[in-house]
Amino acid sequence: MEKPRLLDQVRSVIRIRHYSHRTEDAYTYWIRQFILYHRKRHPLEMGKVEVETFLSWLAEARNVAASTQNQAFCIRCLD
């Protein structure tokens, strides 16, 4: 049997924790953005440096508010 894809695993954890559908959408959105920013590398191949680079890019290039950056950073809280 094949292991579920990353975003399916994330959705499963979010649903087990009874988070709202909007939270699920937000987390999966930020995970996708993170992966795309790093040219489709798998998050398991990346670490703190890549997270910091992504958050800096959000702040500088996209002018994203601190609260939105925190939301993007929270995807790491699902571990």
N, C-alpha and C. Protein backbone atom coordinates (compact mmCIF):
# COMPACT_ATOMS: atom_id res chain seq x y z
N MET A 1 0.84 -1.19 0.00
CA MET A 1 0.00 0.00 0.00
C MET A 1 0.88 1.25 0.00
N GLU A 2 0.49 2.21 -0.79
CA GLU A 2 1.24 3.44 -0.94
C GLU A 2 1.00 4.40 0.22
N LYS A 3 2.06 5.09 0.63
CA LYS A 3 1.94 6.09 1.68
C LYS A 3 1.18 7.30 1.13
N PRO A 4 0.24 7.87 1.92
CA PRO A 4 -0.51 9.05 1.44
C PRO A 4 0.43 10.21 1.13
N ARG A 5 0.02 11.03 0.18
CA ARG A 5 0.80 12.20 -0.20
C ARG A 5 0.84 13.20 0.96
N LEU A 6 1.81 14.08 0.91
CA LEU A 6 2.05 15.02 2.01
C LEU A 6 0.81 15.82 2.38
N LEU A 7 0.17 16.46 1.42
CA LEU A 7 -0.99 17.30 1.76
C LEU A 7 -2.16 16.46 2.28
N ASP A 8 -2.28 15.23 1.82
CA ASP A 8 -3.32 14.35 2.36
C ASP A 8 -3.01 14.00 3.82
N GLN A 9 -1.74 13.81 4.13
CA GLN A 9 -1.34 13.56 5.52
C GLN A 9 -1.64 14.77 6.40
N VAL A 10 -1.35 15.96 5.87
CA VAL A 10 -1.61 17.20 6.62
C VAL A 10 -3.10 17.34 6.88
N ARG A 11 -3.91 17.13 5.85
CA ARG A 11 -5.37 17.23 6.02
C ARG A 11 -5.86 16.24 7.07
N SER A 12 -5.32 15.04 7.06
CA SER A 12 -5.72 14.03 8.03
C SER A 12 -5.41 14.47 9.46
N VAL A 13 -4.21 15.00 9.68
CA VAL A 13 -3.83 15.47 11.02
C VAL A 13 -4.73 16.62 11.45
N ILE A 14 -4.99 17.55 10.55
CA ILE A 14 -5.84 18.69 10.86
C ILE A 14 -7.25 18.23 11.24
N ARG A 15 -7.77 17.26 10.52
CA ARG A 15 -9.12 16.77 10.81
C ARG A 15 -9.16 15.99 12.12
N ILE A 16 -8.11 15.23 12.41
CA ILE A 16 -8.05 14.51 13.69
C ILE A 16 -8.06 15.50 14.85
N ARG A 17 -7.40 16.64 14.65
CA ARG A 17 -7.34 17.67 15.70
C ARG A 17 -8.57 18.58 15.71
N HIS A 18 -9.52 18.30 14.82
CA HIS A 18 -10.79 19.04 14.75
C HIS A 18 -10.61 20.53 14.46
N TYR A 19 -9.62 20.85 13.64
CA TYR A 19 -9.46 22.23 13.20
C TYR A 19 -10.55 22.54 12.17
N SER A 20 -10.81 23.81 11.97
CA SER A 20 -11.85 24.20 11.03
C SER A 20 -11.40 23.97 9.58
N HIS A 21 -12.38 23.93 8.70
CA HIS A 21 -12.09 23.76 7.28
C HIS A 21 -11.25 24.92 6.75
N ARG A 22 -11.52 26.12 7.24
CA ARG A 22 -10.74 27.29 6.81
C ARG A 22 -9.29 27.19 7.26
N THR A 23 -9.06 26.64 8.44
CA THR A 23 -7.69 26.44 8.92
C THR A 23 -6.98 25.42 8.03
N GLU A 24 -7.69 24.36 7.69
CA GLU A 24 -7.14 23.36 6.78
C GLU A 24 -6.74 24.00 5.45
N ASP A 25 -7.63 24.81 4.90
CA ASP A 25 -7.34 25.50 3.64
C ASP A 25 -6.12 26.41 3.76
N ALA A 26 -6.05 27.15 4.87
CA ALA A 26 -4.92 28.07 5.07
C ALA A 26 -3.61 27.32 5.19
N TYR A 27 -3.58 26.26 5.99
CA TYR A 27 -2.34 25.50 6.18
C TYR A 27 -1.89 24.84 4.88
N THR A 28 -2.81 24.24 4.16
CA THR A 28 -2.41 23.60 2.90
C THR A 28 -1.95 24.65 1.87
N TYR A 29 -2.57 25.82 1.90
CA TYR A 29 -2.13 26.91 1.01
C TYR A 29 -0.67 27.27 1.30
N TRP A 30 -0.34 27.49 2.58
CA TRP A 30 1.02 27.91 2.93
C TRP A 30 2.03 26.81 2.66
N ILE A 31 1.65 25.57 2.86
CA ILE A 31 2.57 24.47 2.56
C ILE A 31 2.86 24.44 1.06
N ARG A 32 1.81 24.59 0.25
CA ARG A 32 2.00 24.63 -1.20
C ARG A 32 2.92 25.79 -1.60
N GLN A 33 2.69 26.97 -1.03
CA GLN A 33 3.51 28.14 -1.35
C GLN A 33 4.97 27.90 -0.97
N PHE A 34 5.18 27.30 0.19
CA PHE A 34 6.53 26.98 0.66
C PHE A 34 7.23 26.04 -0.31
N ILE A 35 6.54 25.00 -0.74
CA ILE A 35 7.10 24.03 -1.67
C ILE A 35 7.40 24.69 -3.01
N LEU A 36 6.48 25.47 -3.51
CA LEU A 36 6.69 26.14 -4.80
C LEU A 36 7.83 27.15 -4.74
N TYR A 37 7.92 27.88 -3.63
CA TYR A 37 9.00 28.85 -3.48
C TYR A 37 10.36 28.17 -3.57
N HIS A 38 10.45 26.98 -3.02
CA HIS A 38 11.71 26.24 -3.02
C HIS A 38 11.80 25.25 -4.18
N ARG A 39 11.15 25.60 -5.28
CA ARG A 39 11.23 24.85 -6.55
C ARG A 39 10.84 23.39 -6.40
N LYS A 40 9.75 23.18 -5.67
CA LYS A 40 9.10 21.87 -5.52
C LYS A 40 9.95 20.84 -4.78
N ARG A 41 10.82 21.31 -3.91
CA ARG A 41 11.55 20.38 -3.04
C ARG A 41 10.60 19.89 -1.95
N HIS A 42 10.79 18.66 -1.53
CA HIS A 42 9.95 18.11 -0.47
C HIS A 42 10.36 18.74 0.86
N PRO A 43 9.39 19.10 1.71
CA PRO A 43 9.71 19.73 3.00
C PRO A 43 10.66 18.90 3.88
N LEU A 44 10.66 17.58 3.75
CA LEU A 44 11.58 16.77 4.54
C LEU A 44 13.03 17.00 4.15
N GLU A 45 13.26 17.53 2.97
CA GLU A 45 14.62 17.85 2.52
C GLU A 45 15.08 19.21 3.00
N MET A 46 14.20 19.95 3.63
CA MET A 46 14.51 21.32 4.02
C MET A 46 14.46 21.47 5.54
N GLY A 47 14.98 22.59 6.01
CA GLY A 47 15.02 22.83 7.45
C GLY A 47 14.82 24.29 7.79
N LYS A 48 15.43 24.68 8.89
CA LYS A 48 15.27 26.01 9.45
C LYS A 48 15.66 27.11 8.46
N VAL A 49 16.75 26.92 7.75
CA VAL A 49 17.23 27.95 6.81
C VAL A 49 16.18 28.22 5.74
N GLU A 50 15.58 27.16 5.20
CA GLU A 50 14.58 27.33 4.15
C GLU A 50 13.32 28.00 4.69
N VAL A 51 12.95 27.69 5.91
CA VAL A 51 11.78 28.34 6.52
C VAL A 51 12.06 29.82 6.70
N GLU A 52 13.23 30.15 7.23
CA GLU A 52 13.59 31.56 7.43
C GLU A 52 13.66 32.32 6.10
N THR A 53 14.19 31.68 5.07
CA THR A 53 14.26 32.30 3.74
C THR A 53 12.87 32.59 3.22
N PHE A 54 11.98 31.63 3.36
CA PHE A 54 10.60 31.78 2.90
C PHE A 54 9.89 32.91 3.65
N LEU A 55 10.04 32.95 4.97
CA LEU A 55 9.40 33.99 5.76
C LEU A 55 9.97 35.37 5.44
N SER A 56 11.26 35.45 5.21
CA SER A 56 11.87 36.72 4.81
C SER A 56 11.32 37.18 3.47
N TRP A 57 11.19 36.25 2.54
CA TRP A 57 10.62 36.57 1.23
C TRP A 57 9.19 37.09 1.37
N LEU A 58 8.41 36.44 2.25
CA LEU A 58 7.03 36.91 2.47
C LEU A 58 7.03 38.35 2.97
N ALA A 59 7.91 38.65 3.91
CA ALA A 59 7.95 39.98 4.50
C ALA A 59 8.46 41.03 3.52
N GLU A 60 9.51 40.71 2.79
CA GLU A 60 10.16 41.70 1.94
C GLU A 60 9.52 41.83 0.57
N ALA A 61 9.33 40.73 -0.11
CA ALA A 61 8.83 40.78 -1.49
C ALA A 61 7.32 40.87 -1.57
N ARG A 62 6.64 40.23 -0.65
CA ARG A 62 5.19 40.18 -0.71
C ARG A 62 4.52 41.12 0.29
N ASN A 63 5.30 41.78 1.14
CA ASN A 63 4.78 42.70 2.16
C ASN A 63 3.67 42.07 3.00
N VAL A 64 3.89 40.83 3.41
CA VAL A 64 2.91 40.10 4.19
C VAL A 64 3.01 40.53 5.65
N ALA A 65 1.87 40.71 6.29
CA ALA A 65 1.83 41.14 7.69
C ALA A 65 2.43 40.07 8.60
N ALA A 66 2.88 40.51 9.77
CA ALA A 66 3.50 39.60 10.73
C ALA A 66 2.54 38.48 11.12
N SER A 67 1.27 38.78 11.29
CA SER A 67 0.31 37.74 11.68
C SER A 67 0.17 36.68 10.59
N THR A 68 0.26 37.09 9.33
CA THR A 68 0.20 36.13 8.22
C THR A 68 1.46 35.30 8.18
N GLN A 69 2.60 35.91 8.47
CA GLN A 69 3.85 35.15 8.54
C GLN A 69 3.77 34.11 9.65
N ASN A 70 3.18 34.49 10.77
CA ASN A 70 3.03 33.53 11.87
C ASN A 70 2.15 32.36 11.45
N GLN A 71 1.11 32.65 10.70
CA GLN A 71 0.24 31.58 10.21
C GLN A 71 1.03 30.65 9.29
N ALA A 72 1.82 31.23 8.41
CA ALA A 72 2.64 30.43 7.51
C ALA A 72 3.64 29.60 8.30
N PHE A 73 4.22 30.19 9.34
CA PHE A 73 5.19 29.49 10.16
C PHE A 73 4.55 28.35 10.94
N CYS A 74 3.30 28.48 11.29
CA CYS A 74 2.60 27.49 12.10
C CYS A 74 2.46 26.13 11.43
N ILE A 75 2.69 26.06 10.15
CA ILE A 75 2.61 24.76 9.49
C ILE A 75 3.62 23.80 10.10
N ARG A 76 4.70 24.34 10.66
CA ARG A 76 5.70 23.50 11.34
C ARG A 76 5.15 22.95 12.65
N CYS A 77 4.08 23.56 13.18
CA CYS A 77 3.52 23.15 14.47
C CYS A 77 2.74 21.84 14.37
N LEU A 78 2.52 21.35 13.17
CA LEU A 78 1.76 20.12 13.01
C LEU A 78 2.58 18.88 13.30
N ASP A 79 3.89 19.04 13.45
CA ASP A 79 4.76 17.88 13.73
C ASP A 79 4.37 17.18 15.01
